[in-house]
PDB file of N, CA and C in Angstrom:
ATOM      1  N   MET A   1      -1.569  -1.250  -9.786  1.00  0.00           N
ATOM      2  CA  MET A   1       0.099  -1.424 -10.143  1.00  0.00           C
ATOM      3  C   MET A   1       0.626   0.084  -9.141  1.00  0.00           C
ATOM      4  N   THR A   2       1.642  -0.376  -8.211  1.00  0.00           N
ATOM      5  CA  THR A   2       2.163   0.987  -7.577  1.00  0.00           C
ATOM      6  C   THR A   2       3.830   0.930  -7.688  1.00  0.00           C
ATOM      7  N   THR A   3       4.273   2.112  -6.886  1.00  0.00           N
ATOM      8  CA  THR A   3       4.986   2.036  -6.785  1.00  0.00           C
ATOM      9  C   THR A   3       5.639   2.723  -5.012  1.00  0.00           C
ATOM     10  N   GLU A   4       4.432   2.343  -4.461  1.00  0.00           N
ATOM     11  CA  GLU A   4       4.670   2.517  -3.374  1.00  0.00           C
ATOM     12  C   GLU A   4       4.190   1.585  -2.512  1.00  0.00           C
ATOM     13  N   PRO A   5       4.882   1.381  -1.422  1.00  0.00           N
ATOM     14  CA  PRO A   5       5.535   0.328  -0.790  1.00  0.00           C
ATOM     15  C   PRO A   5       4.293   0.431   0.487  1.00  0.00           C
ATOM     16  N   GLY A   6       3.464   1.399   0.814  1.00  0.00           N
ATOM     17  CA  GLY A   6       2.341   1.098   1.860  1.00  0.00           C
ATOM     18  C   GLY A   6       0.852   1.592   1.362  1.00  0.00           C
ATOM     19  N   MET A   7      -0.065   0.901   1.813  1.00  0.00           N
ATOM     20  CA  MET A   7      -1.026   0.819   1.659  1.00  0.00           C
ATOM     21  C   MET A   7      -2.060   1.024   3.221  1.00  0.00           C
ATOM     22  N   LEU A   8      -3.571   2.232   2.533  1.00  0.00           N
ATOM     23  CA  LEU A   8      -4.063   2.765   3.934  1.00  0.00           C
ATOM     24  C   LEU A   8      -5.305   2.163   3.227  1.00  0.00           C
ATOM     25  N   PHE A   9      -6.345   1.591   4.360  1.00  0.00           N
ATOM     26  CA  PHE A   9      -7.338   1.228   4.113  1.00  0.00           C
ATOM     27  C   PHE A   9      -8.862   1.742   4.124  1.00  0.00           C
ATOM     28  N   TYR A  10      -9.223   2.079   3.697  1.00  0.00           N
ATOM     29  CA  TYR A  10     -10.952   2.910   4.339  1.00  0.00           C
ATOM     30  C   TYR A  10     -11.707   1.953   4.422  1.00  0.00           C
ATOM     31  N   ALA A  11     -12.894   1.523   5.385  1.00  0.00           N
ATOM     32  CA  ALA A  11     -13.524   0.980   5.145  1.00  0.00           C
ATOM     33  C   ALA A  11     -15.084   1.398   5.481  1.00  0.00           C
ATOM     34  N   GLY A  12     -14.882   3.070   5.491  1.00  0.00           N
ATOM     35  CA  GLY A  12     -16.785   3.161   5.627  1.00  0.00           C
ATOM     36  C   GLY A  12     -17.278   3.138   6.821  1.00  0.00           C
ATOM     37  N   TYR A  13     -16.205   3.293   7.875  1.00  0.00           N
ATOM     38  CA  TYR A  13     -17.269   3.149   9.201  1.00  0.00           C
ATOM     39  C   TYR A  13     -17.388   4.685   9.244  1.00  0.00           C
ATOM     40  N   PHE A  14     -17.822   5.718   9.187  1.00  0.00           N
ATOM     41  CA  PHE A  14     -18.179   6.993   9.856  1.00  0.00           C
ATOM     42  C   PHE A  14     -19.035   7.144   8.484  1.00  0.00           C
ATOM     43  N   THR A  15     -19.423   6.802   7.306  1.00  0.00           N
ATOM     44  CA  THR A  15     -20.287   7.029   6.833  1.00  0.00           C
ATOM     45  C   THR A  15     -21.436   7.252   6.871  1.00  0.00           C
ATOM     46  N   SER A  16     -22.173   8.220   6.785  1.00  0.00           N
ATOM     47  CA  SER A  16     -23.743   7.788   7.517  1.00  0.00           C
ATOM     48  C   SER A  16     -24.783   7.539   6.498  1.00  0.00           C
ATOM     49  N   ASP A  17     -25.394   6.869   7.220  1.00  0.00           N
ATOM     50  CA  ASP A  17     -26.910   5.657   6.670  1.00  0.00           C
ATOM     51  C   ASP A  17     -27.786   6.792   6.214  1.00  0.00           C
ATOM     52  N   GLU A  18     -28.121   7.963   5.915  1.00  0.00           N
ATOM     53  CA  GLU A  18     -28.360   9.352   5.899  1.00  0.00           C
ATOM     54  C   GLU A  18     -28.960   9.655   4.296  1.00  0.00           C
ATOM     55  N   LEU A  19     -27.367   9.271   3.876  1.00  0.00           N
ATOM     56  CA  LEU A  19     -26.936   9.889   2.689  1.00  0.00           C
ATOM     57  C   LEU A  19     -27.254   8.687   1.934  1.00  0.00           C
ATOM     58  N   LYS A  20     -27.798   9.513   0.291  1.00  0.00           N
ATOM     59  CA  LYS A  20     -28.499   8.506  -0.902  1.00  0.00           C
ATOM     60  C   LYS A  20     -27.519   9.569  -1.937  1.00  0.00           C
ATOM     61  N   ARG A  21     -27.828   8.072  -3.039  1.00  0.00           N
ATOM     62  CA  ARG A  21     -27.092   8.667  -3.946  1.00  0.00           C
ATOM     63  C   ARG A  21     -28.565   9.267  -4.553  1.00  0.00           C
ATOM     64  N   GLU A  22     -28.136   9.871  -5.971  1.00  0.00           N
ATOM     65  CA  GLU A  22     -29.132  10.509  -7.055  1.00  0.00           C
ATOM     66  C   GLU A  22     -30.147   9.361  -7.112  1.00  0.00           C
ATOM     67  N   SER A  23     -29.619   8.323  -7.253  1.00  0.00           N
ATOM     68  CA  SER A  23     -30.760   7.810  -7.975  1.00  0.00           C
ATOM     69  C   SER A  23     -31.557   6.946  -6.651  1.00  0.00           C
ATOM     70  N   GLY A  24     -31.492   7.125  -5.659  1.00  0.00           N
ATOM     71  CA  GLY A  24     -31.940   6.759  -4.406  1.00  0.00           C
ATOM     72  C   GLY A  24     -31.638   5.744  -3.667  1.00  0.00           C
ATOM     73  N   ALA A  25     -30.599   5.127  -4.333  1.00  0.00           N
ATOM     74  CA  ALA A  25     -29.465   3.880  -4.006  1.00  0.00           C
ATOM     75  C   ALA A  25     -29.006   4.700  -2.724  1.00  0.00           C
ATOM     76  N   GLN A  26     -29.278   4.051  -1.055  1.00  0.00           N
ATOM     77  CA  GLN A  26     -28.860   4.279   0.281  1.00  0.00           C
ATOM     78  C   GLN A  26     -27.294   4.023   0.576  1.00  0.00           C
ATOM     79  N   PHE A  27     -26.139   5.062   0.370  1.00  0.00           N
ATOM     80  CA  PHE A  27     -24.760   4.700   1.103  1.00  0.00           C
ATOM     81  C   PHE A  27     -24.844   4.334   2.354  1.00  0.00           C
ATOM     82  N   GLY A  28     -24.259   4.032   3.464  1.00  0.00           N
ATOM     83  CA  GLY A  28     -23.919   3.651   4.962  1.00  0.00           C
ATOM     84  C   GLY A  28     -22.697   3.046   5.013  1.00  0.00           C
ATOM     85  N   ARG A  29     -22.941   2.955   6.157  1.00  0.00           N
ATOM     86  CA  ARG A  29     -21.556   2.427   7.094  1.00  0.00           C
ATOM     87  C   ARG A  29     -21.058   0.820   6.205  1.00  0.00           C
ATOM     88  N   TYR A  30     -19.939   0.912   6.024  1.00  0.00           N
ATOM     89  CA  TYR A  30     -19.786  -0.627   5.422  1.00  0.00           C
ATOM     90  C   TYR A  30     -19.943  -0.677   3.479  1.00  0.00           C
ATOM     91  N   ARG A  31     -20.228   0.357   3.207  1.00  0.00           N
ATOM     92  CA  ARG A  31     -21.375  -0.231   1.820  1.00  0.00           C
ATOM     93  C   ARG A  31     -20.205   0.296   0.707  1.00  0.00           C
ATOM     94  N   GLY A  32     -18.876   0.542   1.205  1.00  0.00           N
ATOM     95  CA  GLY A  32     -17.959   0.847   0.413  1.00  0.00           C
ATOM     96  C   GLY A  32     -16.404   0.979   1.024  1.00  0.00           C
ATOM     97  N   PHE A  33     -15.272   0.324  -0.092  1.00  0.00           N
ATOM     98  CA  PHE A  33     -13.915   0.853   1.065  1.00  0.00           C
ATOM     99  C   PHE A  33     -13.056   1.269  -0.029  1.00  0.00           C
ATOM    100  N   CYS A  34     -11.840   1.740  -0.120  1.00  0.00           N
ATOM    101  CA  CYS A  34     -10.904   2.252  -0.395  1.00  0.00           C
ATOM    102  C   CYS A  34      -9.387   1.757   0.079  1.00  0.00           C
ATOM    103  N   CYS A  35      -9.177   1.206  -1.109  1.00  0.00           N
ATOM    104  CA  CYS A  35      -7.300   1.046  -0.800  1.00  0.00           C
ATOM    105  C   CYS A  35      -6.066   2.553  -1.948  1.00  0.00           C
ATOM    106  N   GLU A  36      -5.635   3.214  -0.778  1.00  0.00           N
ATOM    107  CA  GLU A  36      -4.696   4.230  -0.810  1.00  0.00           C
ATOM    108  C   GLU A  36      -3.485   4.135  -0.865  1.00  0.00           C
ATOM    109  N   THR A  37      -2.939   3.848  -1.918  1.00  0.00           N
ATOM    110  CA  THR A  37      -1.283   3.963  -1.563  1.00  0.00           C
ATOM    111  C   THR A  37      -0.729   4.773  -1.659  1.00  0.00           C
ATOM    112  N   ASN A  38       0.375   4.386  -0.599  1.00  0.00           N
ATOM    113  CA  ASN A  38       1.244   5.990  -0.209  1.00  0.00           C
ATOM    114  C   ASN A  38       2.592   5.343   0.223  1.00  0.00           C
ATOM    115  N   ARG A  39       3.377   6.071   0.958  1.00  0.00           N
ATOM    116  CA  ARG A  39       4.933   5.648   1.337  1.00  0.00           C
ATOM    117  C   ARG A  39       4.319   5.261   2.856  1.00  0.00           C
ATOM    118  N   TYR A  40       4.987   4.857   3.424  1.00  0.00           N
ATOM    119  CA  TYR A  40       5.007   4.775   5.053  1.00  0.00           C
ATOM    120  C   TYR A  40       4.497   5.669   5.855  1.00  0.00           C
ATOM    121  N   PRO A  41       3.409   6.480   6.810  1.00  0.00           N
ATOM    122  CA  PRO A  41       3.662   7.525   7.617  1.00  0.00           C
ATOM    123  C   PRO A  41       4.775   7.914   8.136  1.00  0.00           C
ATOM    124  N   ASN A  42       5.531   6.887   8.864  1.00  0.00           N
ATOM    125  CA  ASN A  42       6.052   6.694   9.990  1.00  0.00           C
ATOM    126  C   ASN A  42       7.379   6.371   9.222  1.00  0.00           C
ATOM    127  N   GLY A  43       7.892   6.500   8.174  1.00  0.00           N
ATOM    128  CA  GLY A  43       8.812   5.728   7.381  1.00  0.00           C
ATOM    129  C   GLY A  43      10.638   6.902   7.628  1.00  0.00           C
ATOM    130  N   PRO A  44      10.362   8.403   8.312  1.00  0.00           N
ATOM    131  CA  PRO A  44      11.421   8.661   8.495  1.00  0.00           C
ATOM    132  C   PRO A  44      11.916   8.392   9.895  1.00  0.00           C
ATOM    133  N   ASN A  45      10.968   7.935  10.508  1.00  0.00           N
ATOM    134  CA  ASN A  45      12.107   7.464  11.928  1.00  0.00           C
ATOM    135  C   ASN A  45      11.655   5.706  12.164  1.00  0.00           C
ATOM    136  N   ILE A  46      12.000   4.982  10.738  1.00  0.00           N
ATOM    137  CA  ILE A  46      12.203   3.713  10.732  1.00  0.00           C
ATOM    138  C   ILE A  46      13.291   3.584   9.859  1.00  0.00           C
ATOM    139  N   GLN A  47      14.409   3.142  10.461  1.00  0.00           N
ATOM    140  CA  GLN A  47      15.900   2.860   9.804  1.00  0.00           C
ATOM    141  C   GLN A  47      15.656   2.178   8.246  1.00  0.00           C
ATOM    142  N   GLY A  48      16.334   2.547   7.734  1.00  0.00           N
ATOM    143  CA  GLY A  48      16.263   1.605   6.227  1.00  0.00           C
ATOM    144  C   GLY A  48      14.932   2.033   4.915  1.00  0.00           C
ATOM    145  N   SER A  49      14.110   2.799   5.696  1.00  0.00           N
ATOM    146  CA  SER A  49      12.536   2.678   5.177  1.00  0.00           C
ATOM    147  C   SER A  49      12.941   3.962   4.118  1.00  0.00           C
ATOM    148  N   LEU A  50      11.656   3.865   2.999  1.00  0.00           N
ATOM    149  CA  LEU A  50      11.898   5.260   2.816  1.00  0.00           C
ATOM    150  C   LEU A  50      10.863   6.406   3.281  1.00  0.00           C
ATOM    151  N   GLY A  51      11.309   7.865   2.990  1.00  0.00           N
ATOM    152  CA  GLY A  51      10.843   8.554   3.633  1.00  0.00           C
ATOM    153  C   GLY A  51       9.681   9.236   3.540  1.00  0.00           C
ATOM    154  N   SER A  52       8.496   9.520   3.632  1.00  0.00           N
ATOM    155  CA  SER A  52       7.959  10.172   3.534  1.00  0.00           C
ATOM    156  C   SER A  52       7.678  11.167   2.505  1.00  0.00           C
ATOM    157  N   LEU A  53       8.235  12.096   2.265  1.00  0.00           N
ATOM    158  CA  LEU A  53       8.606  12.904   1.784  1.00  0.00           C
ATOM    159  C   LEU A  53       9.824  12.690   0.674  1.00  0.00           C
ATOM    160  N   THR A  54       9.251  13.024  -0.613  1.00  0.00           N
ATOM    161  CA  THR A  54      10.220  12.983  -1.989  1.00  0.00           C
ATOM    162  C   THR A  54      11.419  14.063  -2.485  1.00  0.00           C
TER     163      THR A  54
END
């Protein structure tokens, strides 16, 4: 649950295939994702939108 109106989605496109965990499991491209909630980055330029700074 969040109070922020926007979300950024990271798909792991630039994650290196050479990275490995301590257990030996390999990281790599598209092996994970992240959803980061925030305000709209362009909010100050959109009428009626919440600003990006509070």
